[in-house]
Amino acid sequence: MELYRACYRSKINWGKMHLALPDEIDKTLLRIRRINRKAGVTGALLLVDQHIIQVLEGRTGPVLDTVYCVMNDPRLEAIEGIIHEPADFRLFPNSLMFFRDLTDGLAASEHDVLRPLLDHPADVTREEAYRAFGHFAQELQEGRLTNEMLMI
């Protein structure tokens, strides 16, 4: 199967939010995960300051369809692509949409690889995005290995 990876950042358009942020996130993640299950798309979503950064992985068509939907979401503005390329493997193979809220700054204070996301979320480079998402992909992999060892 041909894999494709897309990553973008976007500024949140607060005027288009209909619910409180935690409720908006919960509702959106539920919808994203349902759609991704049907489309075979996996990935991760990071909330950083006034921005979100998301990576999507799967077959080219469904990934690009998802990017198109994102581009038409009125809750997002100033959408900018960071990564658009074929992929040899999935960073998040078992995650319909991993989510992490980095707005409290705690994770970034503990992991230097996340610092650029807080320092300059509007200008995150391809390499910085890969390092940050790689950090969480590794964290998830370590958790899976622990569960397998404990036979959970």
N, C-alpha and C. Protein backbone atom coordinates (compact mmCIF):
# COMPACT_ATOMS: atom_id res chain seq x y z
N MET A 1 0.85 -1.19 0.00
CA MET A 1 0.00 0.00 0.00
C MET A 1 0.89 1.24 0.00
N GLU A 2 0.56 2.17 -0.84
CA GLU A 2 1.27 3.44 -0.92
C GLU A 2 0.86 4.32 0.26
N LEU A 3 1.85 4.78 1.04
CA LEU A 3 1.57 5.64 2.18
C LEU A 3 1.96 7.07 1.86
N TYR A 4 1.20 7.98 2.45
CA TYR A 4 1.44 9.40 2.26
C TYR A 4 1.33 10.08 3.62
N ARG A 5 2.13 11.12 3.82
CA ARG A 5 2.10 11.87 5.07
C ARG A 5 1.93 13.34 4.77
N ALA A 6 1.00 13.96 5.48
CA ALA A 6 0.80 15.40 5.37
C ALA A 6 0.79 15.98 6.79
N CYS A 7 1.42 17.11 6.92
CA CYS A 7 1.44 17.80 8.22
C CYS A 7 1.22 19.29 7.94
N TYR A 8 0.37 19.89 8.75
CA TYR A 8 0.09 21.31 8.59
C TYR A 8 0.00 21.96 9.96
N ARG A 9 0.09 23.26 9.95
CA ARG A 9 -0.17 24.04 11.16
C ARG A 9 -1.24 25.05 10.80
N SER A 10 -1.99 25.45 11.79
CA SER A 10 -3.07 26.38 11.56
C SER A 10 -3.31 27.20 12.82
N LYS A 11 -3.70 28.42 12.61
CA LYS A 11 -4.08 29.28 13.72
C LYS A 11 -5.57 29.05 14.01
N ILE A 12 -5.92 29.05 15.27
CA ILE A 12 -7.31 28.84 15.66
C ILE A 12 -8.08 30.15 15.48
N ASN A 13 -9.22 30.06 14.84
CA ASN A 13 -10.11 31.21 14.65
C ASN A 13 -11.13 31.17 15.78
N TRP A 14 -10.82 31.83 16.87
CA TRP A 14 -11.64 31.74 18.08
C TRP A 14 -13.07 32.24 17.86
N GLY A 15 -13.27 33.16 16.95
CA GLY A 15 -14.61 33.69 16.67
C GLY A 15 -15.54 32.66 16.06
N LYS A 16 -15.00 31.57 15.52
CA LYS A 16 -15.81 30.53 14.90
C LYS A 16 -16.04 29.33 15.82
N MET A 17 -15.53 29.40 17.03
CA MET A 17 -15.75 28.31 18.00
C MET A 17 -17.14 28.45 18.58
N HIS A 18 -17.87 27.36 18.62
CA HIS A 18 -19.24 27.38 19.14
C HIS A 18 -19.32 26.87 20.58
N LEU A 19 -18.30 26.13 21.01
CA LEU A 19 -18.28 25.54 22.34
C LEU A 19 -17.02 25.99 23.08
N ALA A 20 -16.97 25.72 24.36
CA ALA A 20 -15.73 25.95 25.11
C ALA A 20 -14.65 25.05 24.51
N LEU A 21 -13.39 25.46 24.55
CA LEU A 21 -12.32 24.74 23.88
C LEU A 21 -12.28 23.25 24.23
N PRO A 22 -12.33 22.84 25.51
CA PRO A 22 -12.29 21.40 25.80
C PRO A 22 -13.44 20.63 25.14
N ASP A 23 -14.62 21.23 25.12
CA ASP A 23 -15.77 20.58 24.49
C ASP A 23 -15.61 20.53 22.97
N GLU A 24 -15.08 21.61 22.41
CA GLU A 24 -14.83 21.66 20.96
C GLU A 24 -13.82 20.58 20.56
N ILE A 25 -12.79 20.42 21.37
CA ILE A 25 -11.76 19.41 21.10
C ILE A 25 -12.37 18.01 21.18
N ASP A 26 -13.13 17.74 22.25
CA ASP A 26 -13.74 16.41 22.41
C ASP A 26 -14.66 16.08 21.23
N LYS A 27 -15.49 17.01 20.86
CA LYS A 27 -16.43 16.80 19.75
C LYS A 27 -15.67 16.58 18.44
N THR A 28 -14.65 17.38 18.21
CA THR A 28 -13.87 17.28 16.98
C THR A 28 -13.10 15.97 16.92
N LEU A 29 -12.48 15.57 18.02
CA LEU A 29 -11.72 14.31 18.03
C LEU A 29 -12.63 13.11 17.79
N LEU A 30 -13.81 13.13 18.37
CA LEU A 30 -14.76 12.04 18.16
C LEU A 30 -15.10 11.91 16.67
N ARG A 31 -15.36 13.05 16.04
CA ARG A 31 -15.70 13.06 14.61
C ARG A 31 -14.50 12.63 13.76
N ILE A 32 -13.32 13.18 14.05
CA ILE A 32 -12.11 12.85 13.30
C ILE A 32 -11.84 11.36 13.38
N ARG A 33 -11.91 10.80 14.57
CA ARG A 33 -11.60 9.38 14.74
C ARG A 33 -12.59 8.48 14.00
N ARG A 34 -13.84 8.88 13.99
CA ARG A 34 -14.85 8.10 13.26
C ARG A 34 -14.56 8.13 11.76
N ILE A 35 -14.27 9.31 11.23
CA ILE A 35 -13.96 9.45 9.81
C ILE A 35 -12.66 8.73 9.46
N ASN A 36 -11.63 8.87 10.31
CA ASN A 36 -10.34 8.24 10.04
C ASN A 36 -10.43 6.72 10.04
N ARG A 37 -11.27 6.17 10.91
CA ARG A 37 -11.44 4.72 10.95
C ARG A 37 -11.94 4.22 9.59
N LYS A 38 -12.91 4.90 9.02
CA LYS A 38 -13.46 4.52 7.71
C LYS A 38 -12.46 4.74 6.59
N ALA A 39 -11.67 5.80 6.69
CA ALA A 39 -10.75 6.17 5.61
C ALA A 39 -9.38 5.50 5.71
N GLY A 40 -9.08 4.88 6.85
CA GLY A 40 -7.77 4.27 7.03
C GLY A 40 -6.67 5.28 7.28
N VAL A 41 -7.04 6.42 7.84
CA VAL A 41 -6.08 7.50 8.14
C VAL A 41 -5.72 7.45 9.62
N THR A 42 -4.45 7.62 9.92
CA THR A 42 -3.98 7.73 11.30
C THR A 42 -3.23 9.05 11.44
N GLY A 43 -2.89 9.39 12.68
CA GLY A 43 -2.14 10.61 12.86
C GLY A 43 -2.17 11.14 14.27
N ALA A 44 -1.82 12.42 14.38
CA ALA A 44 -1.73 13.07 15.68
C ALA A 44 -2.06 14.55 15.53
N LEU A 45 -2.60 15.11 16.60
CA LEU A 45 -3.00 16.51 16.65
C LEU A 45 -2.43 17.11 17.93
N LEU A 46 -1.69 18.21 17.78
CA LEU A 46 -1.10 18.90 18.92
C LEU A 46 -1.70 20.30 19.02
N LEU A 47 -2.14 20.65 20.21
CA LEU A 47 -2.65 21.99 20.48
C LEU A 47 -1.52 22.77 21.13
N VAL A 48 -1.15 23.89 20.49
CA VAL A 48 -0.01 24.68 20.94
C VAL A 48 -0.40 26.14 20.89
N ASP A 49 -0.51 26.78 22.05
CA ASP A 49 -0.79 28.20 22.11
C ASP A 49 -2.06 28.50 21.31
N GLN A 50 -1.98 29.30 20.28
CA GLN A 50 -3.13 29.67 19.44
C GLN A 50 -3.18 28.84 18.16
N HIS A 51 -2.39 27.77 18.12
CA HIS A 51 -2.24 26.97 16.90
C HIS A 51 -2.53 25.50 17.15
N ILE A 52 -2.79 24.80 16.05
CA ILE A 52 -2.77 23.36 16.07
C ILE A 52 -1.77 22.91 15.01
N ILE A 53 -1.15 21.79 15.28
CA ILE A 53 -0.25 21.16 14.33
C ILE A 53 -0.71 19.71 14.23
N GLN A 54 -0.96 19.25 13.01
CA GLN A 54 -1.51 17.92 12.81
C GLN A 54 -0.73 17.18 11.75
N VAL A 55 -0.53 15.89 11.98
CA VAL A 55 0.06 15.01 10.98
C VAL A 55 -0.99 13.96 10.64
N LEU A 56 -1.10 13.66 9.34
CA LEU A 56 -2.05 12.67 8.82
C LEU A 56 -1.27 11.66 7.99
N GLU A 57 -1.63 10.37 8.12
CA GLU A 57 -0.93 9.32 7.39
C GLU A 57 -1.93 8.31 6.85
N GLY A 58 -1.65 7.81 5.68
CA GLY A 58 -2.51 6.80 5.08
C GLY A 58 -2.33 6.80 3.57
N ARG A 59 -3.30 6.21 2.86
CA ARG A 59 -3.26 6.25 1.41
C ARG A 59 -3.38 7.70 0.96
N THR A 60 -2.77 8.03 -0.15
CA THR A 60 -2.70 9.41 -0.63
C THR A 60 -4.07 10.07 -0.73
N GLY A 61 -5.03 9.41 -1.39
CA GLY A 61 -6.35 10.00 -1.60
C GLY A 61 -7.04 10.39 -0.31
N PRO A 62 -7.19 9.44 0.65
CA PRO A 62 -7.85 9.80 1.91
C PRO A 62 -7.12 10.87 2.71
N VAL A 63 -5.79 10.86 2.68
CA VAL A 63 -5.04 11.89 3.40
C VAL A 63 -5.30 13.26 2.78
N LEU A 64 -5.23 13.34 1.47
CA LEU A 64 -5.46 14.63 0.81
C LEU A 64 -6.91 15.08 0.94
N ASP A 65 -7.86 14.13 0.96
CA ASP A 65 -9.26 14.47 1.22
C ASP A 65 -9.40 15.10 2.60
N THR A 66 -8.70 14.55 3.57
CA THR A 66 -8.75 15.07 4.93
C THR A 66 -8.14 16.47 4.99
N VAL A 67 -7.03 16.67 4.32
CA VAL A 67 -6.41 18.01 4.26
C VAL A 67 -7.39 19.01 3.64
N TYR A 68 -8.09 18.59 2.60
CA TYR A 68 -9.07 19.47 1.96
C TYR A 68 -10.18 19.86 2.95
N CYS A 69 -10.65 18.89 3.73
CA CYS A 69 -11.67 19.19 4.75
C CYS A 69 -11.14 20.19 5.77
N VAL A 70 -9.90 20.01 6.17
CA VAL A 70 -9.27 20.93 7.14
C VAL A 70 -9.24 22.34 6.56
N MET A 71 -8.89 22.44 5.29
CA MET A 71 -8.78 23.76 4.66
C MET A 71 -10.12 24.48 4.60
N ASN A 72 -11.20 23.74 4.69
CA ASN A 72 -12.54 24.33 4.65
C ASN A 72 -13.19 24.46 6.03
N ASP A 73 -12.43 24.18 7.08
CA ASP A 73 -12.95 24.29 8.44
C ASP A 73 -12.88 25.76 8.87
N PRO A 74 -14.02 26.41 9.12
CA PRO A 74 -13.99 27.84 9.48
C PRO A 74 -13.32 28.12 10.83
N ARG A 75 -13.12 27.09 11.64
CA ARG A 75 -12.47 27.28 12.94
C ARG A 75 -10.96 27.45 12.81
N LEU A 76 -10.45 27.23 11.61
CA LEU A 76 -9.01 27.32 11.37
C LEU A 76 -8.73 28.38 10.32
N GLU A 77 -7.60 29.06 10.49
CA GLU A 77 -7.17 30.06 9.52
C GLU A 77 -5.65 30.02 9.40
N ALA A 78 -5.15 30.66 8.39
CA ALA A 78 -3.70 30.70 8.13
C ALA A 78 -3.12 29.29 8.12
N ILE A 79 -3.76 28.40 7.37
CA ILE A 79 -3.31 27.01 7.27
C ILE A 79 -2.09 26.96 6.37
N GLU A 80 -1.06 26.29 6.87
CA GLU A 80 0.18 26.21 6.11
C GLU A 80 0.74 24.80 6.18
N GLY A 81 1.07 24.24 5.02
CA GLY A 81 1.65 22.91 4.97
C GLY A 81 3.08 22.90 5.46
N ILE A 82 3.42 21.88 6.19
CA ILE A 82 4.79 21.68 6.67
C ILE A 82 5.42 20.48 5.96
N ILE A 83 4.64 19.40 5.84
CA ILE A 83 5.12 18.16 5.23
C ILE A 83 4.04 17.66 4.27
N HIS A 84 4.43 17.33 3.07
CA HIS A 84 3.56 16.67 2.09
C HIS A 84 4.47 15.75 1.29
N GLU A 85 4.44 14.44 1.61
CA GLU A 85 5.36 13.54 0.93
C GLU A 85 4.97 12.09 1.13
N PRO A 86 5.46 11.22 0.25
CA PRO A 86 5.26 9.79 0.46
C PRO A 86 5.97 9.37 1.75
N ALA A 87 5.46 8.32 2.37
CA ALA A 87 6.04 7.84 3.63
C ALA A 87 6.32 6.35 3.52
N ASP A 88 7.40 5.91 4.14
CA ASP A 88 7.76 4.49 4.14
C ASP A 88 7.02 3.73 5.24
N PHE A 89 6.60 4.44 6.28
CA PHE A 89 5.93 3.80 7.41
C PHE A 89 5.06 4.86 8.10
N ARG A 90 4.18 4.39 8.97
CA ARG A 90 3.35 5.30 9.75
C ARG A 90 4.01 5.59 11.10
N LEU A 91 4.02 6.84 11.48
CA LEU A 91 4.49 7.20 12.82
C LEU A 91 3.46 6.77 13.87
N PHE A 92 2.18 6.84 13.52
CA PHE A 92 1.09 6.54 14.44
C PHE A 92 0.20 5.43 13.87
N PRO A 93 0.74 4.21 13.74
CA PRO A 93 0.01 3.15 13.05
C PRO A 93 -1.28 2.71 13.74
N ASN A 94 -1.37 2.87 15.03
CA ASN A 94 -2.54 2.40 15.76
C ASN A 94 -3.35 3.54 16.38
N SER A 95 -3.15 4.74 15.89
CA SER A 95 -3.82 5.89 16.48
C SER A 95 -4.68 6.60 15.44
N LEU A 96 -5.99 6.48 15.60
CA LEU A 96 -6.89 7.16 14.68
C LEU A 96 -6.71 8.67 14.76
N MET A 97 -6.35 9.19 15.93
CA MET A 97 -5.92 10.58 16.07
C MET A 97 -5.44 10.79 17.50
N PHE A 98 -4.13 10.61 17.67
CA PHE A 98 -3.49 10.90 18.95
C PHE A 98 -3.65 12.39 19.21
N PHE A 99 -3.90 12.77 20.46
CA PHE A 99 -4.04 14.19 20.79
C PHE A 99 -3.23 14.52 22.03
N ARG A 100 -2.57 15.68 21.97
CA ARG A 100 -1.87 16.18 23.16
C ARG A 100 -2.04 17.69 23.21
N ASP A 101 -2.44 18.17 24.38
CA ASP A 101 -2.57 19.60 24.66
C ASP A 101 -1.26 20.06 25.27
N LEU A 102 -0.54 20.90 24.55
CA LEU A 102 0.76 21.39 25.02
C LEU A 102 0.69 22.82 25.54
N THR A 103 -0.52 23.31 25.76
CA THR A 103 -0.66 24.72 26.14
C THR A 103 -0.14 25.04 27.52
N ASP A 104 -0.02 24.04 28.39
CA ASP A 104 0.47 24.32 29.74
C ASP A 104 1.99 24.45 29.80
N GLY A 105 2.69 24.05 28.75
CA GLY A 105 4.14 24.19 28.69
C GLY A 105 4.91 23.14 29.45
N LEU A 106 4.24 22.25 30.17
CA LEU A 106 4.94 21.26 30.99
C LEU A 106 5.71 20.25 30.15
N ALA A 107 5.07 19.71 29.12
CA ALA A 107 5.74 18.72 28.28
C ALA A 107 6.97 19.33 27.62
N ALA A 108 6.85 20.56 27.15
CA ALA A 108 7.97 21.21 26.48
C ALA A 108 9.10 21.51 27.47
N SER A 109 8.77 21.77 28.72
CA SER A 109 9.82 22.02 29.70
C SER A 109 10.57 20.73 30.03
N GLU A 110 9.91 19.58 29.86
CA GLU A 110 10.54 18.29 30.15
C GLU A 110 11.23 17.69 28.92
N HIS A 111 10.83 18.10 27.72
CA HIS A 111 11.35 17.52 26.48
C HIS A 111 11.74 18.64 25.53
N ASP A 112 13.03 18.88 25.39
CA ASP A 112 13.52 19.98 24.55
C ASP A 112 13.04 19.89 23.11
N VAL A 113 12.77 18.68 22.63
CA VAL A 113 12.35 18.51 21.24
C VAL A 113 11.00 19.18 20.97
N LEU A 114 10.22 19.44 22.03
CA LEU A 114 8.91 20.08 21.90
C LEU A 114 9.00 21.60 22.03
N ARG A 115 10.11 22.10 22.48
CA ARG A 115 10.27 23.54 22.75
C ARG A 115 9.95 24.42 21.54
N PRO A 116 10.40 24.08 20.33
CA PRO A 116 10.09 24.94 19.17
C PRO A 116 8.60 25.11 18.92
N LEU A 117 7.80 24.12 19.27
CA LEU A 117 6.37 24.23 19.07
C LEU A 117 5.77 25.36 19.91
N LEU A 118 6.33 25.59 21.07
CA LEU A 118 5.85 26.67 21.93
C LEU A 118 6.54 27.99 21.61
N ASP A 119 7.82 27.90 21.27
CA ASP A 119 8.58 29.13 21.02
C ASP A 119 8.14 29.85 19.75
N HIS A 120 7.82 29.09 18.71
CA HIS A 120 7.43 29.71 17.44
C HIS A 120 6.49 28.78 16.66
N PRO A 121 5.27 28.56 17.17
CA PRO A 121 4.34 27.62 16.51
C PRO A 121 3.98 28.03 15.08
N ALA A 122 4.04 29.30 14.77
CA ALA A 122 3.68 29.75 13.42
C ALA A 122 4.81 29.51 12.41
N ASP A 123 5.98 29.13 12.90
CA ASP A 123 7.13 28.94 12.01
C ASP A 123 7.84 27.61 12.24
N VAL A 124 7.12 26.58 12.64
CA VAL A 124 7.72 25.27 12.88
C VAL A 124 8.23 24.72 11.56
N THR A 125 9.47 24.24 11.58
CA THR A 125 10.06 23.67 10.37
C THR A 125 9.69 22.20 10.22
N ARG A 126 9.95 21.67 9.06
CA ARG A 126 9.71 20.25 8.79
C ARG A 126 10.45 19.39 9.81
N GLU A 127 11.72 19.69 10.05
CA GLU A 127 12.55 18.91 10.97
C GLU A 127 12.01 19.00 12.39
N GLU A 128 11.60 20.18 12.82
CA GLU A 128 11.04 20.34 14.16
C GLU A 128 9.74 19.57 14.31
N ALA A 129 8.92 19.58 13.27
CA ALA A 129 7.66 18.82 13.31
C ALA A 129 7.95 17.32 13.40
N TYR A 130 8.89 16.84 12.60
CA TYR A 130 9.23 15.41 12.66
C TYR A 130 9.78 15.02 14.03
N ARG A 131 10.62 15.86 14.61
CA ARG A 131 11.17 15.54 15.93
C ARG A 131 10.06 15.50 16.98
N ALA A 132 9.15 16.46 16.94
CA ALA A 132 8.06 16.50 17.93
C ALA A 132 7.12 15.31 17.76
N PHE A 133 6.68 15.04 16.54
CA PHE A 133 5.78 13.91 16.34
C PHE A 133 6.51 12.59 16.60
N GLY A 134 7.80 12.54 16.27
CA GLY A 134 8.59 11.34 16.57
C GLY A 134 8.67 11.07 18.06
N HIS A 135 8.74 12.12 18.85
CA HIS A 135 8.76 11.98 20.31
C HIS A 135 7.49 11.27 20.79
N PHE A 136 6.34 11.72 20.31
CA PHE A 136 5.08 11.11 20.75
C PHE A 136 4.89 9.72 20.15
N ALA A 137 5.36 9.51 18.93
CA ALA A 137 5.27 8.18 18.32
C ALA A 137 6.09 7.18 19.13
N GLN A 138 7.26 7.59 19.57
CA GLN A 138 8.11 6.72 20.39
C GLN A 138 7.45 6.45 21.74
N GLU A 139 6.85 7.48 22.32
CA GLU A 139 6.15 7.33 23.60
C GLU A 139 5.02 6.29 23.48
N LEU A 140 4.26 6.37 22.40
CA LEU A 140 3.19 5.41 22.17
C LEU A 140 3.73 4.01 21.95
N GLN A 141 4.83 3.88 21.20
CA GLN A 141 5.44 2.58 20.94
C GLN A 141 5.92 1.95 22.24
N GLU A 142 6.55 2.74 23.10
CA GLU A 142 7.03 2.22 24.38
C GLU A 142 5.87 1.74 25.24
N GLY A 143 4.75 2.46 25.20
CA GLY A 143 3.56 2.04 25.94
C GLY A 143 3.01 0.73 25.40
N ARG A 144 3.00 0.56 24.08
CA ARG A 144 2.53 -0.69 23.48
C ARG A 144 3.42 -1.86 23.88
N LEU A 145 4.74 -1.63 23.86
CA LEU A 145 5.67 -2.69 24.25
C LEU A 145 5.48 -3.08 25.70
N THR A 146 5.28 -2.10 26.56
CA THR A 146 5.03 -2.39 27.98
C THR A 146 3.76 -3.21 28.13
N ASN A 147 2.71 -2.84 27.45
CA ASN A 147 1.46 -3.58 27.53
C ASN A 147 1.62 -5.01 27.04
N GLU A 148 2.39 -5.20 25.95
CA GLU A 148 2.63 -6.55 25.44
C GLU A 148 3.41 -7.37 26.43
N MET A 149 4.42 -6.76 27.07
CA MET A 149 5.21 -7.49 28.05
C MET A 149 4.36 -7.90 29.25
N LEU A 150 3.44 -7.04 29.63
CA LEU A 150 2.56 -7.34 30.77
C LEU A 150 1.35 -8.15 30.34
N MET A 151 1.24 -8.39 29.02
CA MET A 151 0.12 -9.14 28.42
C MET A 151 -1.22 -8.50 28.74
N ILE A 152 -1.25 -7.16 28.64
CA ILE A 152 -2.49 -6.42 28.87
C ILE A 152 -3.29 -6.39 27.60
